[in-house]
Amino acid sequence: MPELIEVETYLKAAGRALGRTVATVSIPNSGYLAGDTHPSDLRSAICGHQLQDIRRIGKLLIFQIGSASIGMRFGMTGRLVVDGEVSIGELLYTTNEIQEKHVRCVITFQEEGEITMIDPRSFGKVELQPDETRLGPDAMAISTEELLPVFHDTTASVKALLLDQTRIAGLGNLLCDEITWRSGVDPQRAGHTLEPADVERLASVIRATIEDLSSRGGSHMGDLQQQRHQGGTCPKDGVALTRGTVAGRTTWWCPEHQL
């Protein structure tokens, strides 16, 4: 469930560790490391070096430690705990209890404190030197000019394109449903059928929705969220919502105003 909004929260929480020097790093299960990286490679790259910067691209959180960058992807259930404080106390689709068996990565510092990745379902990853160029522009500040090529000359559905992190980074299932609902776009609609005015409206709605739901407290705080169930109705016009699978994900939309 962690989408751009949640990872932005993680970024802000992790900021308190800036300037600290890494003492140790622990990966209880080496399979949580992406690629061929071994835990010893990670230790060699960051131990004894200072946490100089933290940034986010979409749902990827990146720690710059010395000359190495460490990427954290949170999958469906990943949370960040900084100095013993949980950045987000409650996530959908997962237990909110912190259990030792769910610890996937711990970075401890010489000065004090630690950064811990908790991930019950273990769909996330820790990656040494992640390829940031594979990600599209960040959804938080997406412009019409950046969004137009996403839909150009493709029969892929609007939702599939919004979920594609190589095209636009940061949106997950909940944000996509809220955004298409707010913009009045059928998530099944082929991308190439969007007119420039449709894309301009969609870009504006993406930015506004992220800002709005960030202020409310998360990607699960959308107007559509409480109606995402059997018998749910559109908050705008009261029509029964349609439930289907779009781009491999459970999707809810209004058949009346989403065209």
C-alpha atoms as a PDB file:
ATOM      1  CA  MET A   1       0.000   0.000   0.000  1.00  0.00           C
ATOM      2  CA  PRO A   2       2.792   2.577   0.576  1.00  0.00           C
ATOM      3  CA  GLU A   3       2.494   5.000  -2.331  1.00  0.00           C
ATOM      4  CA  LEU A   4       4.203   8.311  -3.005  1.00  0.00           C
ATOM      5  CA  ILE A   5       2.473  10.012  -0.075  1.00  0.00           C
ATOM      6  CA  GLU A   6       3.619   7.413   2.441  1.00  0.00           C
ATOM      7  CA  VAL A   7       7.187   7.339   1.118  1.00  0.00           C
ATOM      8  CA  GLU A   8       7.302  11.130   1.368  1.00  0.00           C
ATOM      9  CA  THR A   9       6.407  10.693   5.053  1.00  0.00           C
ATOM     10  CA  TYR A  10       9.229   8.176   5.420  1.00  0.00           C
ATOM     11  CA  LEU A  11      11.629  10.654   3.811  1.00  0.00           C
ATOM     12  CA  LYS A  12      10.733  13.379   6.287  1.00  0.00           C
ATOM     13  CA  ALA A  13      11.068  11.009   9.250  1.00  0.00           C
ATOM     14  CA  ALA A  14      14.452   9.754   8.090  1.00  0.00           C
ATOM     15  CA  GLY A  15      15.705  13.324   7.830  1.00  0.00           C
ATOM     16  CA  ARG A  16      16.511  13.388  11.532  1.00  0.00           C
ATOM     17  CA  ALA A  17      19.382  10.945  10.841  1.00  0.00           C
ATOM     18  CA  LEU A  18      21.136  13.221   8.338  1.00  0.00           C
ATOM     19  CA  GLY A  19      24.778  13.796   9.186  1.00  0.00           C
ATOM     20  CA  ARG A  20      25.137  10.619  11.221  1.00  0.00           C
ATOM     21  CA  THR A  21      27.781   8.011  10.433  1.00  0.00           C
ATOM     22  CA  VAL A  22      26.790   4.408   9.747  1.00  0.00           C
ATOM     23  CA  ALA A  23      28.146   1.932  12.302  1.00  0.00           C
ATOM     24  CA  THR A  24      26.505  -1.315  11.171  1.00  0.00           C
ATOM     25  CA  VAL A  25      23.941  -2.596   8.719  1.00  0.00           C
ATOM     26  CA  SER A  26      21.965  -5.809   9.131  1.00  0.00           C
ATOM     27  CA  ILE A  27      19.965  -7.702   6.506  1.00  0.00           C
ATOM     28  CA  PRO A  28      18.468 -10.752   8.289  1.00  0.00           C
ATOM     29  CA  ASN A  29      17.470 -12.315   4.969  1.00  0.00           C
ATOM     30  CA  SER A  30      19.862 -11.734   2.070  1.00  0.00           C
ATOM     31  CA  GLY A  31      16.982 -12.379  -0.342  1.00  0.00           C
ATOM     32  CA  TYR A  32      15.636  -8.956   0.554  1.00  0.00           C
ATOM     33  CA  LEU A  33      18.580  -7.398  -1.280  1.00  0.00           C
ATOM     34  CA  ALA A  34      17.885  -6.694  -4.941  1.00  0.00           C
ATOM     35  CA  GLY A  35      20.076  -8.207  -7.641  1.00  0.00           C
ATOM     36  CA  ASP A  36      23.314 -10.014  -6.872  1.00  0.00           C
ATOM     37  CA  THR A  37      24.262  -7.768  -3.961  1.00  0.00           C
ATOM     38  CA  HIS A  38      25.453  -9.643  -0.874  1.00  0.00           C
ATOM     39  CA  PRO A  39      25.037  -8.211   2.655  1.00  0.00           C
ATOM     40  CA  SER A  40      28.832  -7.912   2.878  1.00  0.00           C
ATOM     41  CA  ASP A  41      28.781  -5.662  -0.206  1.00  0.00           C
ATOM     42  CA  LEU A  42      26.285  -3.388   1.494  1.00  0.00           C
ATOM     43  CA  ARG A  43      28.333  -3.262   4.686  1.00  0.00           C
ATOM     44  CA  SER A  44      31.524  -2.440   2.781  1.00  0.00           C
ATOM     45  CA  ALA A  45      29.774   0.323   0.837  1.00  0.00           C
ATOM     46  CA  ILE A  46      28.231   2.253   3.737  1.00  0.00           C
ATOM     47  CA  CYS A  47      29.776   1.383   7.115  1.00  0.00           C
ATOM     48  CA  GLY A  48      31.963   4.199   8.389  1.00  0.00           C
ATOM     49  CA  HIS A  49      30.390   6.694   5.981  1.00  0.00           C
ATOM     50  CA  GLN A  50      28.064   9.607   6.632  1.00  0.00           C
ATOM     51  CA  LEU A  51      24.410   9.826   5.635  1.00  0.00           C
ATOM     52  CA  GLN A  52      24.671  12.900   3.441  1.00  0.00           C
ATOM     53  CA  ASP A  53      21.320  13.111   1.687  1.00  0.00           C
ATOM     54  CA  ILE A  54      17.898  11.480   1.446  1.00  0.00           C
ATOM     55  CA  ARG A  55      15.680  11.847  -1.589  1.00  0.00           C
ATOM     56  CA  ARG A  56      12.625  10.270  -3.129  1.00  0.00           C
ATOM     57  CA  ILE A  57      11.632   9.444  -6.695  1.00  0.00           C
ATOM     58  CA  GLY A  58       8.117   8.079  -6.823  1.00  0.00           C
ATOM     59  CA  LYS A  59       7.932   5.206  -4.339  1.00  0.00           C
ATOM     60  CA  LEU A  60      11.713   4.757  -4.164  1.00  0.00           C
ATOM     61  CA  LEU A  61      13.468   6.197  -1.098  1.00  0.00           C
ATOM     62  CA  ILE A  62      17.186   6.791  -1.645  1.00  0.00           C
ATOM     63  CA  PHE A  63      19.855   7.266   1.021  1.00  0.00           C
ATOM     64  CA  GLN A  64      23.140   8.810  -0.097  1.00  0.00           C
ATOM     65  CA  ILE A  65      25.792   7.387   2.214  1.00  0.00           C
ATOM     66  CA  GLY A  66      29.323   8.349   1.251  1.00  0.00           C
ATOM     67  CA  SER A  67      29.643   7.560  -2.458  1.00  0.00           C
ATOM     68  CA  ALA A  68      26.970   4.841  -2.307  1.00  0.00           C
ATOM     69  CA  SER A  69      23.237   5.210  -2.803  1.00  0.00           C
ATOM     70  CA  ILE A  70      20.880   2.790  -1.054  1.00  0.00           C
ATOM     71  CA  GLY A  71      17.359   2.421  -2.398  1.00  0.00           C
ATOM     72  CA  MET A  72      14.417   1.184  -0.366  1.00  0.00           C
ATOM     73  CA  ARG A  73      11.239  -0.049  -2.078  1.00  0.00           C
ATOM     74  CA  PHE A  74       8.390  -0.715   0.329  1.00  0.00           C
ATOM     75  CA  GLY A  75       6.173  -3.113  -1.625  1.00  0.00           C
ATOM     76  CA  MET A  76       2.681  -3.503  -0.142  1.00  0.00           C
ATOM     77  CA  THR A  77       3.476  -3.488   3.571  1.00  0.00           C
ATOM     78  CA  GLY A  78       6.810  -1.763   4.141  1.00  0.00           C
ATOM     79  CA  ARG A  79       7.232   0.831   6.890  1.00  0.00           C
ATOM     80  CA  LEU A  80      10.165   2.840   8.158  1.00  0.00           C
ATOM     81  CA  VAL A  81      11.003   3.093  11.854  1.00  0.00           C
ATOM     82  CA  VAL A  82      13.436   5.873  12.774  1.00  0.00           C
ATOM     83  CA  ASP A  83      15.024   5.949  16.215  1.00  0.00           C
ATOM     84  CA  GLY A  84      12.315   3.635  17.492  1.00  0.00           C
ATOM     85  CA  GLU A  85       9.442   5.768  16.196  1.00  0.00           C
ATOM     86  CA  VAL A  86       7.107   4.352  13.543  1.00  0.00           C
ATOM     87  CA  SER A  87       6.747   6.866  10.704  1.00  0.00           C
ATOM     88  CA  ILE A  88       3.212   5.694   9.890  1.00  0.00           C
ATOM     89  CA  GLY A  89       1.301   3.895  12.603  1.00  0.00           C
ATOM     90  CA  GLU A  90      -1.327   2.289  10.399  1.00  0.00           C
ATOM     91  CA  LEU A  91      -1.250   0.887   6.858  1.00  0.00           C
ATOM     92  CA  LEU A  92      -3.915  -0.958   4.903  1.00  0.00           C
ATOM     93  CA  TYR A  93      -3.479  -4.636   4.043  1.00  0.00           C
ATOM     94  CA  THR A  94      -1.003  -5.415   6.828  1.00  0.00           C
ATOM     95  CA  THR A  95      -0.583  -5.884  10.540  1.00  0.00           C
ATOM     96  CA  ASN A  96       0.273  -2.698  12.399  1.00  0.00           C
ATOM     97  CA  GLU A  97       2.118  -4.616  15.100  1.00  0.00           C
ATOM     98  CA  ILE A  98       5.912  -4.349  14.963  1.00  0.00           C
ATOM     99  CA  GLN A  99       7.377  -7.852  15.114  1.00  0.00           C
ATOM    100  CA  GLU A 100      11.029  -8.893  15.056  1.00  0.00           C
ATOM    101  CA  LYS A 101      10.367 -11.437  12.299  1.00  0.00           C
ATOM    102  CA  HIS A 102       9.252  -8.615   9.991  1.00  0.00           C
ATOM    103  CA  VAL A 103      12.523  -6.674  10.255  1.00  0.00           C
ATOM    104  CA  ARG A 104      14.228  -6.619   6.838  1.00  0.00           C
ATOM    105  CA  CYS A 105      17.014  -4.054   7.233  1.00  0.00           C
ATOM    106  CA  VAL A 106      18.560  -2.150  10.140  1.00  0.00           C
ATOM    107  CA  ILE A 107      21.065   0.679   9.726  1.00  0.00           C
ATOM    108  CA  THR A 108      22.591   1.769  13.045  1.00  0.00           C
ATOM    109  CA  PHE A 109      24.647   4.909  13.563  1.00  0.00           C
ATOM    110  CA  GLN A 110      27.772   5.681  15.552  1.00  0.00           C
ATOM    111  CA  GLU A 111      26.235   8.735  17.189  1.00  0.00           C
ATOM    112  CA  GLU A 112      22.837   7.296  18.128  1.00  0.00           C
ATOM    113  CA  GLY A 113      19.718   5.696  16.759  1.00  0.00           C
ATOM    114  CA  GLU A 114      18.877   3.539  13.792  1.00  0.00           C
ATOM    115  CA  ILE A 115      16.714   3.280  10.686  1.00  0.00           C
ATOM    116  CA  THR A 116      14.720   0.060  10.392  1.00  0.00           C
ATOM    117  CA  MET A 117      12.729  -1.324   7.485  1.00  0.00           C
ATOM    118  CA  ILE A 118       9.691  -3.368   8.587  1.00  0.00           C
ATOM    119  CA  ASP A 119       7.908  -5.395   5.903  1.00  0.00           C
ATOM    120  CA  PRO A 120       5.528  -8.222   6.982  1.00  0.00           C
ATOM    121  CA  ARG A 121       4.806  -9.517   3.478  1.00  0.00           C
ATOM    122  CA  SER A 122       8.379  -9.006   2.291  1.00  0.00           C
ATOM    123  CA  PHE A 123       7.468  -7.628  -1.144  1.00  0.00           C
ATOM    124  CA  GLY A 124       9.856  -4.700  -0.804  1.00  0.00           C
ATOM    125  CA  LYS A 125      13.586  -4.554  -1.555  1.00  0.00           C
ATOM    126  CA  VAL A 126      16.798  -2.871  -0.472  1.00  0.00           C
ATOM    127  CA  GLU A 127      19.069  -2.073  -3.394  1.00  0.00           C
ATOM    128  CA  LEU A 128      22.656  -0.886  -3.650  1.00  0.00           C
ATOM    129  CA  GLN A 129      23.093   1.746  -6.381  1.00  0.00           C
ATOM    130  CA  PRO A 130      19.513   1.645  -7.727  1.00  0.00           C
ATOM    131  CA  ASP A 131      19.059   2.773 -11.335  1.00  0.00           C
ATOM    132  CA  GLU A 132      17.099   5.983 -10.871  1.00  0.00           C
ATOM    133  CA  THR A 133      16.937   6.605 -14.625  1.00  0.00           C
ATOM    134  CA  ARG A 134      14.426   3.764 -15.004  1.00  0.00           C
ATOM    135  CA  LEU A 135      11.763   5.815 -13.218  1.00  0.00           C
ATOM    136  CA  GLY A 136       9.497   8.319 -14.902  1.00  0.00           C
ATOM    137  CA  PRO A 137       8.887  11.871 -13.641  1.00  0.00           C
ATOM    138  CA  ASP A 138       7.646  12.122 -10.074  1.00  0.00           C
ATOM    139  CA  ALA A 139       3.862  12.330  -9.847  1.00  0.00           C
ATOM    140  CA  MET A 140       3.894  14.976  -7.119  1.00  0.00           C
ATOM    141  CA  ALA A 141       4.957  17.687  -9.567  1.00  0.00           C
ATOM    142  CA  ILE A 142       4.005  16.125 -12.915  1.00  0.00           C
ATOM    143  CA  SER A 143       3.394  18.633 -15.718  1.00  0.00           C
ATOM    144  CA  THR A 144       1.142  18.339 -18.736  1.00  0.00           C
ATOM    145  CA  GLU A 145       4.227  18.313 -20.950  1.00  0.00           C
ATOM    146  CA  GLU A 146       5.658  15.345 -19.026  1.00  0.00           C
ATOM    147  CA  LEU A 147       2.344  13.502 -19.022  1.00  0.00           C
ATOM    148  CA  LEU A 148       1.440  13.867 -22.711  1.00  0.00           C
ATOM    149  CA  PRO A 149       4.016  11.288 -23.947  1.00  0.00           C
ATOM    150  CA  VAL A 150       2.699   8.743 -21.422  1.00  0.00           C
ATOM    151  CA  PHE A 151      -0.579   8.420 -23.335  1.00  0.00           C
ATOM    152  CA  HIS A 152       0.662   9.050 -26.854  1.00  0.00           C
ATOM    153  CA  ASP A 153       0.045   6.309 -29.417  1.00  0.00           C
ATOM    154  CA  THR A 154      -0.698   3.465 -26.995  1.00  0.00           C
ATOM    155  CA  THR A 155      -3.699   1.187 -26.544  1.00  0.00           C
ATOM    156  CA  ALA A 156      -2.750   0.412 -22.931  1.00  0.00           C
ATOM    157  CA  SER A 157      -5.386   1.432 -20.397  1.00  0.00           C
ATOM    158  CA  VAL A 158      -5.144   4.738 -18.560  1.00  0.00           C
ATOM    159  CA  LYS A 159      -4.786   2.904 -15.255  1.00  0.00           C
ATOM    160  CA  ALA A 160      -2.006   0.642 -16.562  1.00  0.00           C
ATOM    161  CA  LEU A 161      -0.111   3.711 -17.759  1.00  0.00           C
ATOM    162  CA  LEU A 162      -0.550   5.559 -14.464  1.00  0.00           C
ATOM    163  CA  LEU A 163       0.685   2.505 -12.564  1.00  0.00           C
ATOM    164  CA  ASP A 164       3.756   2.079 -14.805  1.00  0.00           C
ATOM    165  CA  GLN A 165       6.608   3.484 -12.692  1.00  0.00           C
ATOM    166  CA  THR A 166       8.809   3.889 -15.784  1.00  0.00           C
ATOM    167  CA  ARG A 167       6.274   6.371 -17.184  1.00  0.00           C
ATOM    168  CA  ILE A 168       5.179   8.237 -14.048  1.00  0.00           C
ATOM    169  CA  ALA A 169       6.640   7.453 -10.628  1.00  0.00           C
ATOM    170  CA  GLY A 170       4.756   7.237  -7.358  1.00  0.00           C
ATOM    171  CA  LEU A 171       1.165   6.204  -8.025  1.00  0.00           C
ATOM    172  CA  GLY A 172      -0.290   2.967  -6.665  1.00  0.00           C
ATOM    173  CA  ASN A 173      -3.709   1.375  -6.827  1.00  0.00           C
ATOM    174  CA  LEU A 174      -5.512   3.652  -4.364  1.00  0.00           C
ATOM    175  CA  LEU A 175      -4.227   6.901  -5.828  1.00  0.00           C
ATOM    176  CA  CYS A 176      -4.947   5.745  -9.381  1.00  0.00           C
ATOM    177  CA  ASP A 177      -8.593   4.973  -8.576  1.00  0.00           C
ATOM    178  CA  GLU A 178      -9.034   8.275  -6.741  1.00  0.00           C
ATOM    179  CA  ILE A 179      -7.374  10.263  -9.540  1.00  0.00           C
ATOM    180  CA  THR A 180      -9.347   8.692 -12.381  1.00  0.00           C
ATOM    181  CA  TRP A 181     -12.553   9.108 -10.362  1.00  0.00           C
ATOM    182  CA  ARG A 182     -11.849  12.776  -9.636  1.00  0.00           C
ATOM    183  CA  SER A 183     -10.876  13.494 -13.240  1.00  0.00           C
ATOM    184  CA  GLY A 184     -13.848  11.645 -14.729  1.00  0.00           C
ATOM    185  CA  VAL A 185     -11.719   9.265 -16.790  1.00  0.00           C
ATOM    186  CA  ASP A 186     -12.638   5.606 -17.237  1.00  0.00           C
ATOM    187  CA  PRO A 187      -9.588   3.631 -15.992  1.00  0.00           C
ATOM    188  CA  GLN A 188     -10.139   1.118 -18.812  1.00  0.00           C
ATOM    189  CA  ARG A 189      -9.909   3.778 -21.512  1.00  0.00           C
ATOM    190  CA  ALA A 190      -7.095   3.420 -24.052  1.00  0.00           C
ATOM    191  CA  GLY A 191      -4.364   5.966 -23.507  1.00  0.00           C
ATOM    192  CA  HIS A 192      -4.280   7.234 -27.095  1.00  0.00           C
ATOM    193  CA  THR A 193      -7.941   8.325 -26.874  1.00  0.00           C
ATOM    194  CA  LEU A 194      -7.119  11.101 -24.399  1.00  0.00           C
ATOM    195  CA  GLU A 195      -7.130  14.557 -25.930  1.00  0.00           C
ATOM    196  CA  PRO A 196      -4.547  17.147 -24.824  1.00  0.00           C
ATOM    197  CA  ALA A 197      -7.241  18.826 -22.710  1.00  0.00           C
ATOM    198  CA  ASP A 198      -7.926  15.494 -20.979  1.00  0.00           C
ATOM    199  CA  VAL A 199      -4.229  15.078 -20.194  1.00  0.00           C
ATOM    200  CA  GLU A 200      -3.977  18.654 -18.903  1.00  0.00           C
ATOM    201  CA  ARG A 201      -6.910  18.017 -16.563  1.00  0.00           C
ATOM    202  CA  LEU A 202      -5.436  14.697 -15.467  1.00  0.00           C
ATOM    203  CA  ALA A 203      -2.056  16.283 -14.645  1.00  0.00           C
ATOM    204  CA  SER A 204      -3.800  18.930 -12.567  1.00  0.00           C
ATOM    205  CA  VAL A 205      -5.898  16.323 -10.737  1.00  0.00           C
ATOM    206  CA  ILE A 206      -2.837  14.162 -10.006  1.00  0.00           C
ATOM    207  CA  ARG A 207      -1.037  17.069  -8.333  1.00  0.00           C
ATOM    208  CA  ALA A 208      -4.136  18.266  -6.473  1.00  0.00           C
ATOM    209  CA  THR A 209      -5.067  14.771  -5.255  1.00  0.00           C
ATOM    210  CA  ILE A 210      -1.591  14.112  -3.889  1.00  0.00           C
ATOM    211  CA  GLU A 211      -1.605  17.455  -2.085  1.00  0.00           C
ATOM    212  CA  ASP A 212      -5.113  16.898  -0.723  1.00  0.00           C
ATOM    213  CA  LEU A 213      -4.578  13.336   0.497  1.00  0.00           C
ATOM    214  CA  SER A 214      -1.179  14.236   1.947  1.00  0.00           C
ATOM    215  CA  SER A 215      -2.894  16.817   4.133  1.00  0.00           C
ATOM    216  CA  ARG A 216      -5.546  14.246   5.121  1.00  0.00           C
ATOM    217  CA  GLY A 217      -2.952  11.680   6.173  1.00  0.00           C
ATOM    218  CA  GLY A 218      -2.421   9.138   3.411  1.00  0.00           C
ATOM    219  CA  SER A 219      -3.268   7.517   0.088  1.00  0.00           C
ATOM    220  CA  HIS A 220      -6.172   5.708   1.783  1.00  0.00           C
ATOM    221  CA  MET A 221      -7.934   8.969   2.677  1.00  0.00           C
ATOM    222  CA  GLY A 222      -9.573   9.613  -0.704  1.00  0.00           C
ATOM    223  CA  ASP A 223     -13.250  10.411  -1.183  1.00  0.00           C
ATOM    224  CA  LEU A 224     -13.748   7.124  -3.036  1.00  0.00           C
ATOM    225  CA  GLN A 225     -12.095   4.950  -0.393  1.00  0.00           C
ATOM    226  CA  GLN A 226     -15.093   4.356   1.873  1.00  0.00           C
ATOM    227  CA  GLN A 227     -17.154   3.200  -1.115  1.00  0.00           C
ATOM    228  CA  ARG A 228     -14.663   0.634  -2.412  1.00  0.00           C
ATOM    229  CA  HIS A 229     -16.833  -2.315  -1.407  1.00  0.00           C
ATOM    230  CA  GLN A 230     -19.746  -4.376  -2.689  1.00  0.00           C
ATOM    231  CA  GLY A 231     -22.773  -2.086  -2.862  1.00  0.00           C
ATOM    232  CA  GLY A 232     -20.618   1.057  -2.777  1.00  0.00           C
ATOM    233  CA  THR A 233     -21.921   4.134  -4.574  1.00  0.00           C
ATOM    234  CA  CYS A 234     -20.256   7.076  -6.272  1.00  0.00           C
ATOM    235  CA  PRO A 235     -19.833   9.972  -3.803  1.00  0.00           C
ATOM    236  CA  LYS A 236     -20.522  12.418  -6.666  1.00  0.00           C
ATOM    237  CA  ASP A 237     -23.753  11.081  -8.189  1.00  0.00           C
ATOM    238  CA  GLY A 238     -24.903   8.127  -6.087  1.00  0.00           C
ATOM    239  CA  VAL A 239     -24.618   5.587  -8.907  1.00  0.00           C
ATOM    240  CA  ALA A 240     -23.515   2.060  -7.971  1.00  0.00           C
ATOM    241  CA  LEU A 241     -19.764   1.709  -8.497  1.00  0.00           C
ATOM    242  CA  THR A 242     -18.381  -0.853 -10.913  1.00  0.00           C
ATOM    243  CA  ARG A 243     -15.738  -3.265  -9.670  1.00  0.00           C
ATOM    244  CA  GLY A 244     -13.367  -4.964 -12.069  1.00  0.00           C
ATOM    245  CA  THR A 245      -9.775  -5.925 -12.718  1.00  0.00           C
ATOM    246  CA  VAL A 246      -7.834  -3.334 -14.677  1.00  0.00           C
ATOM    247  CA  ALA A 247      -4.083  -3.641 -15.248  1.00  0.00           C
ATOM    248  CA  GLY A 248      -4.142  -6.668 -12.958  1.00  0.00           C
ATOM    249  CA  ARG A 249      -5.464  -4.668 -10.007  1.00  0.00           C
ATOM    250  CA  THR A 250      -8.847  -4.515  -8.301  1.00  0.00           C
ATOM    251  CA  THR A 251     -10.411  -1.300  -9.564  1.00  0.00           C
ATOM    252  CA  TRP A 252     -13.489   0.723  -8.661  1.00  0.00           C
ATOM    253  CA  TRP A 253     -15.049   3.379 -10.868  1.00  0.00           C
ATOM    254  CA  CYS A 254     -18.294   5.200 -11.608  1.00  0.00           C
ATOM    255  CA  PRO A 255     -19.926   4.130 -14.886  1.00  0.00           C
ATOM    256  CA  GLU A 256     -21.931   7.378 -14.953  1.00  0.00           C
ATOM    257  CA  HIS A 257     -19.308  10.129 -15.000  1.00  0.00           C
ATOM    258  CA  GLN A 258     -16.047   8.322 -15.754  1.00  0.00           C
ATOM    259  CA  LEU A 259     -15.926   8.223 -19.538  1.00  0.00           C
END
